[in-house]
PDB file of N, CA and C in Angstrom:
ATOM      1  N   MET A   1       0.827  -1.183   0.000  1.00  0.00           N
ATOM      2  CA  MET A   1       0.000   0.000   0.000  1.00  0.00           C
ATOM      3  C   MET A   1       0.873   1.248   0.000  1.00  0.00           C
ATOM      4  N   THR A   2       0.416   2.216  -0.716  1.00  0.00           N
ATOM      5  CA  THR A   2       1.137   3.475  -0.728  1.00  0.00           C
ATOM      6  C   THR A   2       0.649   4.346   0.430  1.00  0.00           C
ATOM      7  N   ILE A   3       1.364   5.407   0.681  1.00  0.00           N
ATOM      8  CA  ILE A   3       0.985   6.314   1.766  1.00  0.00           C
ATOM      9  C   ILE A   3      -0.365   6.960   1.482  1.00  0.00           C
ATOM     10  N   ILE A   4      -0.637   7.254   0.233  1.00  0.00           N
ATOM     11  CA  ILE A   4      -1.921   7.861  -0.132  1.00  0.00           C
ATOM     12  C   ILE A   4      -3.070   6.894   0.171  1.00  0.00           C
ATOM     13  N   GLU A   5      -2.896   5.612  -0.143  1.00  0.00           N
ATOM     14  CA  GLU A   5      -3.938   4.630   0.161  1.00  0.00           C
ATOM     15  C   GLU A   5      -4.140   4.487   1.668  1.00  0.00           C
ATOM     16  N   ILE A   6      -3.048   4.508   2.414  1.00  0.00           N
ATOM     17  CA  ILE A   6      -3.150   4.411   3.870  1.00  0.00           C
ATOM     18  C   ILE A   6      -3.890   5.619   4.429  1.00  0.00           C
ATOM     19  N   LYS A   7      -3.621   6.806   3.878  1.00  0.00           N
ATOM     20  CA  LYS A   7      -4.344   8.008   4.305  1.00  0.00           C
ATOM     21  C   LYS A   7      -5.841   7.865   4.059  1.00  0.00           C
ATOM     22  N   HIS A   8      -6.195   7.331   2.896  1.00  0.00           N
ATOM     23  CA  HIS A   8      -7.614   7.150   2.579  1.00  0.00           C
ATOM     24  C   HIS A   8      -8.264   6.135   3.512  1.00  0.00           C
ATOM     25  N   VAL A   9      -7.566   5.057   3.796  1.00  0.00           N
ATOM     26  CA  VAL A   9      -8.104   4.038   4.702  1.00  0.00           C
ATOM     27  C   VAL A   9      -8.298   4.620   6.099  1.00  0.00           C
ATOM     28  N   LEU A  10      -7.297   5.350   6.591  1.00  0.00           N
ATOM     29  CA  LEU A  10      -7.419   5.944   7.919  1.00  0.00           C
ATOM     30  C   LEU A  10      -8.534   6.988   7.972  1.00  0.00           C
ATOM     31  N   LEU A  11      -8.696   7.731   6.896  1.00  0.00           N
ATOM     32  CA  LEU A  11      -9.764   8.728   6.851  1.00  0.00           C
ATOM     33  C   LEU A  11     -11.144   8.060   6.874  1.00  0.00           C
ATOM     34  N   TRP A  12     -11.295   6.975   6.110  1.00  0.00           N
ATOM     35  CA  TRP A  12     -12.560   6.227   6.133  1.00  0.00           C
ATOM     36  C   TRP A  12     -12.806   5.604   7.507  1.00  0.00           C
ATOM     37  N   CYS A  13     -11.761   5.035   8.102  1.00  0.00           N
ATOM     38  CA  CYS A  13     -11.903   4.447   9.440  1.00  0.00           C
ATOM     39  C   CYS A  13     -12.302   5.511  10.454  1.00  0.00           C
ATOM     40  N   LEU A  14     -11.700   6.681  10.347  1.00  0.00           N
ATOM     41  CA  LEU A  14     -12.028   7.779  11.245  1.00  0.00           C
ATOM     42  C   LEU A  14     -13.498   8.175  11.098  1.00  0.00           C
ATOM     43  N   GLY A  15     -13.952   8.325   9.869  1.00  0.00           N
ATOM     44  CA  GLY A  15     -15.344   8.688   9.635  1.00  0.00           C
ATOM     45  C   GLY A  15     -16.318   7.630  10.112  1.00  0.00           C
ATOM     46  N   LEU A  16     -16.028   6.369   9.827  1.00  0.00           N
ATOM     47  CA  LEU A  16     -16.921   5.286  10.249  1.00  0.00           C
ATOM     48  C   LEU A  16     -16.964   5.145  11.771  1.00  0.00           C
ATOM     49  N   ASN A  17     -15.811   5.275  12.408  1.00  0.00           N
ATOM     50  CA  ASN A  17     -15.774   5.161  13.867  1.00  0.00           C
ATOM     51  C   ASN A  17     -16.501   6.313  14.546  1.00  0.00           C
ATOM     52  N   TYR A  18     -16.318   7.536  14.041  1.00  0.00           N
ATOM     53  CA  TYR A  18     -17.059   8.661  14.619  1.00  0.00           C
ATOM     54  C   TYR A  18     -18.553   8.528  14.329  1.00  0.00           C
ATOM     55  N   GLY A  19     -18.911   7.977  13.182  1.00  0.00           N
ATOM     56  CA  GLY A  19     -20.316   7.709  12.892  1.00  0.00           C
ATOM     57  C   GLY A  19     -20.905   6.720  13.882  1.00  0.00           C
ATOM     58  N   LEU A  20     -20.169   5.660  14.171  1.00  0.00           N
ATOM     59  CA  LEU A  20     -20.617   4.680  15.152  1.00  0.00           C
ATOM     60  C   LEU A  20     -20.741   5.302  16.531  1.00  0.00           C
ATOM     61  N   LEU A  21     -19.798   6.172  16.889  1.00  0.00           N
ATOM     62  CA  LEU A  21     -19.871   6.863  18.170  1.00  0.00           C
ATOM     63  C   LEU A  21     -21.100   7.774  18.243  1.00  0.00           C
ATOM     64  N   LEU A  22     -21.409   8.451  17.157  1.00  0.00           N
ATOM     65  CA  LEU A  22     -22.597   9.310  17.132  1.00  0.00           C
ATOM     66  C   LEU A  22     -23.885   8.495  17.211  1.00  0.00           C
ATOM     67  N   ILE A  23     -23.916   7.341  16.566  1.00  0.00           N
ATOM     68  CA  ILE A  23     -25.085   6.456  16.662  1.00  0.00           C
ATOM     69  C   ILE A  23     -25.255   5.963  18.090  1.00  0.00           C
ATOM     70  N   TRP A  24     -24.141   5.583  18.736  1.00  0.00           N
ATOM     71  CA  TRP A  24     -24.188   5.129  20.124  1.00  0.00           C
ATOM     72  C   TRP A  24     -24.727   6.249  21.021  1.00  0.00           C
ATOM     73  N   PHE A  25     -24.201   7.470  20.832  1.00  0.00           N
ATOM     74  CA  PHE A  25     -24.675   8.582  21.637  1.00  0.00           C
ATOM     75  C   PHE A  25     -26.150   8.884  21.367  1.00  0.00           C
ATOM     76  N   GLY A  26     -26.548   8.842  20.097  1.00  0.00           N
ATOM     77  CA  GLY A  26     -27.946   9.090  19.762  1.00  0.00           C
ATOM     78  C   GLY A  26     -28.872   8.060  20.373  1.00  0.00           C
ATOM     79  N   ALA A  27     -28.478   6.798  20.296  1.00  0.00           N
ATOM     80  CA  ALA A  27     -29.288   5.741  20.909  1.00  0.00           C
ATOM     81  C   ALA A  27     -29.344   5.918  22.421  1.00  0.00           C
ATOM     82  N   PHE A  28     -28.228   6.293  23.009  1.00  0.00           N
ATOM     83  CA  PHE A  28     -28.187   6.497  24.453  1.00  0.00           C
ATOM     84  C   PHE A  28     -29.051   7.690  24.859  1.00  0.00           C
ATOM     85  N   ALA A  29     -29.030   8.741  24.069  1.00  0.00           N
ATOM     86  CA  ALA A  29     -29.778   9.947  24.412  1.00  0.00           C
ATOM     87  C   ALA A  29     -31.275   9.784  24.174  1.00  0.00           C
ATOM     88  N   TYR A  30     -31.654   9.141  23.068  1.00  0.00           N
ATOM     89  CA  TYR A  30     -33.062   9.078  22.704  1.00  0.00           C
ATOM     90  C   TYR A  30     -33.767   7.793  23.112  1.00  0.00           C
ATOM     91  N   ALA A  31     -33.028   6.730  23.357  1.00  0.00           N
ATOM     92  CA  ALA A  31     -33.641   5.457  23.761  1.00  0.00           C
ATOM     93  C   ALA A  31     -33.062   4.991  25.094  1.00  0.00           C
ATOM     94  N   HIS A  32     -32.774   5.950  25.965  1.00  0.00           N
ATOM     95  CA  HIS A  32     -32.126   5.634  27.236  1.00  0.00           C
ATOM     96  C   HIS A  32     -32.952   4.669  28.074  1.00  0.00           C
ATOM     97  N   ASP A  33     -34.229   4.938  28.229  1.00  0.00           N
ATOM     98  CA  ASP A  33     -35.066   4.092  29.081  1.00  0.00           C
ATOM     99  C   ASP A  33     -35.181   2.673  28.535  1.00  0.00           C
ATOM    100  N   TRP A  34     -35.347   2.554  27.235  1.00  0.00           N
ATOM    101  CA  TRP A  34     -35.442   1.228  26.624  1.00  0.00           C
ATOM    102  C   TRP A  34     -34.129   0.457  26.790  1.00  0.00           C
ATOM    103  N   MET A  35     -33.002   1.146  26.545  1.00  0.00           N
ATOM    104  CA  MET A  35     -31.698   0.483  26.705  1.00  0.00           C
ATOM    105  C   MET A  35     -31.475   0.073  28.157  1.00  0.00           C
ATOM    106  N   TYR A  36     -31.863   0.928  29.091  1.00  0.00           N
ATOM    107  CA  TYR A  36     -31.694   0.594  30.506  1.00  0.00           C
ATOM    108  C   TYR A  36     -32.539  -0.610  30.892  1.00  0.00           C
ATOM    109  N   ARG A  37     -33.801  -0.625  30.462  1.00  0.00           N
ATOM    110  CA  ARG A  37     -34.663  -1.774  30.783  1.00  0.00           C
ATOM    111  C   ARG A  37     -34.110  -3.061  30.189  1.00  0.00           C
ATOM    112  N   MET A  38     -33.602  -2.993  28.965  1.00  0.00           N
ATOM    113  CA  MET A  38     -33.059  -4.187  28.327  1.00  0.00           C
ATOM    114  C   MET A  38     -31.848  -4.715  29.096  1.00  0.00           C
ATOM    115  N   HIS A  39     -30.957  -3.834  29.506  1.00  0.00           N
ATOM    116  CA  HIS A  39     -29.762  -4.271  30.220  1.00  0.00           C
ATOM    117  C   HIS A  39     -30.052  -4.603  31.685  1.00  0.00           C
ATOM    118  N   ALA A  40     -31.060  -3.970  32.248  1.00  0.00           N
ATOM    119  CA  ALA A  40     -31.411  -4.263  33.643  1.00  0.00           C
ATOM    120  C   ALA A  40     -31.973  -5.671  33.798  1.00  0.00           C
ATOM    121  N   ARG A  41     -32.492  -6.245  32.719  1.00  0.00           N
ATOM    122  CA  ARG A  41     -32.948  -7.636  32.783  1.00  0.00           C
ATOM    123  C   ARG A  41     -31.788  -8.601  32.977  1.00  0.00           C
ATOM    124  N   TRP A  42     -30.635  -8.260  32.397  1.00  0.00           N
ATOM    125  CA  TRP A  42     -29.487  -9.158  32.456  1.00  0.00           C
ATOM    126  C   TRP A  42     -28.580  -8.872  33.648  1.00  0.00           C
ATOM    127  N   PHE A  43     -28.454  -7.599  34.011  1.00  0.00           N
ATOM    128  CA  PHE A  43     -27.535  -7.195  35.069  1.00  0.00           C
ATOM    129  C   PHE A  43     -28.293  -6.355  36.087  1.00  0.00           C
ATOM    130  N   THR A  44     -27.862  -6.419  37.326  1.00  0.00           N
ATOM    131  CA  THR A  44     -28.470  -5.557  38.340  1.00  0.00           C
ATOM    132  C   THR A  44     -27.712  -4.233  38.338  1.00  0.00           C
ATOM    133  N   LEU A  45     -28.278  -3.261  37.649  1.00  0.00           N
ATOM    134  CA  LEU A  45     -27.657  -1.949  37.500  1.00  0.00           C
ATOM    135  C   LEU A  45     -28.618  -0.869  37.951  1.00  0.00           C
ATOM    136  N   SER A  46     -28.063   0.124  38.604  1.00  0.00           N
ATOM    137  CA  SER A  46     -28.862   1.322  38.857  1.00  0.00           C
ATOM    138  C   SER A  46     -28.755   2.220  37.623  1.00  0.00           C
ATOM    139  N   PRO A  47     -29.675   3.128  37.451  1.00  0.00           N
ATOM    140  CA  PRO A  47     -29.574   4.038  36.296  1.00  0.00           C
ATOM    141  C   PRO A  47     -28.280   4.843  36.287  1.00  0.00           C
ATOM    142  N   GLN A  48     -27.785   5.223  37.474  1.00  0.00           N
ATOM    143  CA  GLN A  48     -26.538   5.975  37.546  1.00  0.00           C
ATOM    144  C   GLN A  48     -25.354   5.129  37.098  1.00  0.00           C
ATOM    145  N   THR A  49     -25.335   3.863  37.475  1.00  0.00           N
ATOM    146  CA  THR A  49     -24.260   2.967  37.055  1.00  0.00           C
ATOM    147  C   THR A  49     -24.325   2.724  35.559  1.00  0.00           C
ATOM    148  N   PHE A  50     -25.523   2.545  35.045  1.00  0.00           N
ATOM    149  CA  PHE A  50     -25.705   2.347  33.603  1.00  0.00           C
ATOM    150  C   PHE A  50     -25.190   3.550  32.826  1.00  0.00           C
ATOM    151  N   ASP A  51     -25.531   4.761  33.301  1.00  0.00           N
ATOM    152  CA  ASP A  51     -25.055   5.979  32.637  1.00  0.00           C
ATOM    153  C   ASP A  51     -23.535   6.082  32.695  1.00  0.00           C
ATOM    154  N   ALA A  52     -22.965   5.796  33.869  1.00  0.00           N
ATOM    155  CA  ALA A  52     -21.511   5.894  34.024  1.00  0.00           C
ATOM    156  C   ALA A  52     -20.786   4.903  33.122  1.00  0.00           C
ATOM    157  N   ILE A  53     -21.304   3.699  33.003  1.00  0.00           N
ATOM    158  CA  ILE A  53     -20.683   2.695  32.137  1.00  0.00           C
ATOM    159  C   ILE A  53     -20.744   3.138  30.684  1.00  0.00           C
ATOM    160  N   ASN A  54     -21.877   3.673  30.256  1.00  0.00           N
ATOM    161  CA  ASN A  54     -21.996   4.120  28.873  1.00  0.00           C
ATOM    162  C   ASN A  54     -21.093   5.303  28.577  1.00  0.00           C
ATOM    163  N   TYR A  55     -21.064   6.291  29.474  1.00  0.00           N
ATOM    164  CA  TYR A  55     -20.194   7.446  29.250  1.00  0.00           C
ATOM    165  C   TYR A  55     -18.723   7.040  29.252  1.00  0.00           C
ATOM    166  N   ALA A  56     -18.351   6.141  30.150  1.00  0.00           N
ATOM    167  CA  ALA A  56     -16.963   5.664  30.176  1.00  0.00           C
ATOM    168  C   ALA A  56     -16.638   4.892  28.901  1.00  0.00           C
ATOM    169  N   GLY A  57     -17.572   4.077  28.441  1.00  0.00           N
ATOM    170  CA  GLY A  57     -17.350   3.342  27.191  1.00  0.00           C
ATOM    171  C   GLY A  57     -17.191   4.270  26.007  1.00  0.00           C
ATOM    172  N   MET A  58     -18.027   5.316  25.950  1.00  0.00           N
ATOM    173  CA  MET A  58     -17.900   6.292  24.866  1.00  0.00           C
ATOM    174  C   MET A  58     -16.568   7.026  24.943  1.00  0.00           C
ATOM    175  N   ALA A  59     -16.133   7.348  26.156  1.00  0.00           N
ATOM    176  CA  ALA A  59     -14.857   8.048  26.323  1.00  0.00           C
ATOM    177  C   ALA A  59     -13.689   7.172  25.891  1.00  0.00           C
ATOM    178  N   VAL A  60     -13.698   5.911  26.287  1.00  0.00           N
ATOM    179  CA  VAL A  60     -12.626   4.993  25.897  1.00  0.00           C
ATOM    180  C   VAL A  60     -12.624   4.785  24.387  1.00  0.00           C
ATOM    181  N   PHE A  61     -13.809   4.653  23.805  1.00  0.00           N
ATOM    182  CA  PHE A  61     -13.911   4.476  22.357  1.00  0.00           C
ATOM    183  C   PHE A  61     -13.393   5.702  21.617  1.00  0.00           C
ATOM    184  N   LYS A  62     -13.729   6.890  22.115  1.00  0.00           N
ATOM    185  CA  LYS A  62     -13.269   8.127  21.488  1.00  0.00           C
ATOM    186  C   LYS A  62     -11.755   8.270  21.597  1.00  0.00           C
ATOM    187  N   ILE A  63     -11.190   7.927  22.744  1.00  0.00           N
ATOM    188  CA  ILE A  63      -9.734   7.966  22.894  1.00  0.00           C
ATOM    189  C   ILE A  63      -9.084   6.973  21.955  1.00  0.00           C
ATOM    190  N   GLY A  64      -9.685   5.794  21.817  1.00  0.00           N
ATOM    191  CA  GLY A  64      -9.161   4.802  20.872  1.00  0.00           C
ATOM    192  C   GLY A  64      -9.198   5.297  19.445  1.00  0.00           C
ATOM    193  N   ILE A  65     -10.274   5.978  19.069  1.00  0.00           N
ATOM    194  CA  ILE A  65     -10.365   6.541  17.720  1.00  0.00           C
ATOM    195  C   ILE A  65      -9.246   7.546  17.502  1.00  0.00           C
ATOM    196  N   MET A  66      -9.035   8.401  18.484  1.00  0.00           N
ATOM    197  CA  MET A  66      -7.998   9.422  18.343  1.00  0.00           C
ATOM    198  C   MET A  66      -6.605   8.804  18.252  1.00  0.00           C
ATOM    199  N   LEU A  67      -6.336   7.828  19.110  1.00  0.00           N
ATOM    200  CA  LEU A  67      -4.999   7.237  19.130  1.00  0.00           C
ATOM    201  C   LEU A  67      -4.720   6.337  17.924  1.00  0.00           C
ATOM    202  N   LEU A  68      -5.730   5.624  17.459  1.00  0.00           N
ATOM    203  CA  LEU A  68      -5.501   4.642  16.410  1.00  0.00           C
ATOM    204  C   LEU A  68      -5.844   5.120  15.005  1.00  0.00           C
ATOM    205  N   ASN A  69      -6.607   6.211  14.884  1.00  0.00           N
ATOM    206  CA  ASN A  69      -6.978   6.711  13.562  1.00  0.00           C
ATOM    207  C   ASN A  69      -6.509   8.136  13.323  1.00  0.00           C
ATOM    208  N   LEU A  70      -6.832   9.029  14.240  1.00  0.00           N
ATOM    209  CA  LEU A  70      -6.570  10.447  14.017  1.00  0.00           C
ATOM    210  C   LEU A  70      -5.083  10.787  14.097  1.00  0.00           C
ATOM    211  N   VAL A  71      -4.403  10.312  15.115  1.00  0.00           N
ATOM    212  CA  VAL A  71      -2.990  10.629  15.280  1.00  0.00           C
ATOM    213  C   VAL A  71      -2.150  10.066  14.130  1.00  0.00           C
ATOM    214  N   PRO A  72      -2.330   8.789  13.716  1.00  0.00           N
ATOM    215  CA  PRO A  72      -1.562   8.323  12.559  1.00  0.00           C
ATOM    216  C   PRO A  72      -1.887   9.083  11.276  1.00  0.00           C
ATOM    217  N   LEU A  73      -3.152   9.483  11.115  1.00  0.00           N
ATOM    218  CA  LEU A  73      -3.545  10.245   9.934  1.00  0.00           C
ATOM    219  C   LEU A  73      -2.860  11.605   9.926  1.00  0.00           C
ATOM    220  N   ILE A  74      -2.839  12.287  11.041  1.00  0.00           N
ATOM    221  CA  ILE A  74      -2.156  13.580  11.137  1.00  0.00           C
ATOM    222  C   ILE A  74      -0.674  13.409  10.892  1.00  0.00           C
ATOM    223  N   ALA A  75      -0.087  12.357  11.456  1.00  0.00           N
ATOM    224  CA  ALA A  75       1.345  12.101  11.245  1.00  0.00           C
ATOM    225  C   ALA A  75       1.668  11.875   9.781  1.00  0.00           C
ATOM    226  N   LEU A  76       0.809  11.146   9.075  1.00  0.00           N
ATOM    227  CA  LEU A  76       1.051  10.922   7.643  1.00  0.00           C
ATOM    228  C   LEU A  76       0.891  12.191   6.831  1.00  0.00           C
ATOM    229  N   TYR A  77      -0.051  13.053   7.224  1.00  0.00           N
ATOM    230  CA  TYR A  77      -0.203  14.317   6.513  1.00  0.00           C
ATOM    231  C   TYR A  77       0.980  15.250   6.776  1.00  0.00           C
ATOM    232  N   LEU A  78       1.592  15.145   7.938  1.00  0.00           N
ATOM    233  CA  LEU A  78       2.748  16.001   8.243  1.00  0.00           C
ATOM    234  C   LEU A  78       4.036  15.519   7.585  1.00  0.00           C
ATOM    235  N   VAL A  79       4.074  14.250   7.214  1.00  0.00           N
ATOM    236  CA  VAL A  79       5.303  13.694   6.601  1.00  0.00           C
ATOM    237  C   VAL A  79       5.385  14.118   5.156  1.00  0.00           C
TER     238      VAL A  79
END
């Protein structure tokens, strides 16, 4: 693969991952009660714990996107 192809792949990965993050946030914001009821059947969670787990998961996912997609993409553009 050439550097240009790698840039395109990283750019697509960045867009798809941020899209997935936005879908996760949208589902969490607009279907919060349904998601909580579904997960409360399997696990004993309070609403506060459920919210904290989701926000932490989104934060870890966002950091992963930045470290694995955005930073290498910026580095390739600077080279």
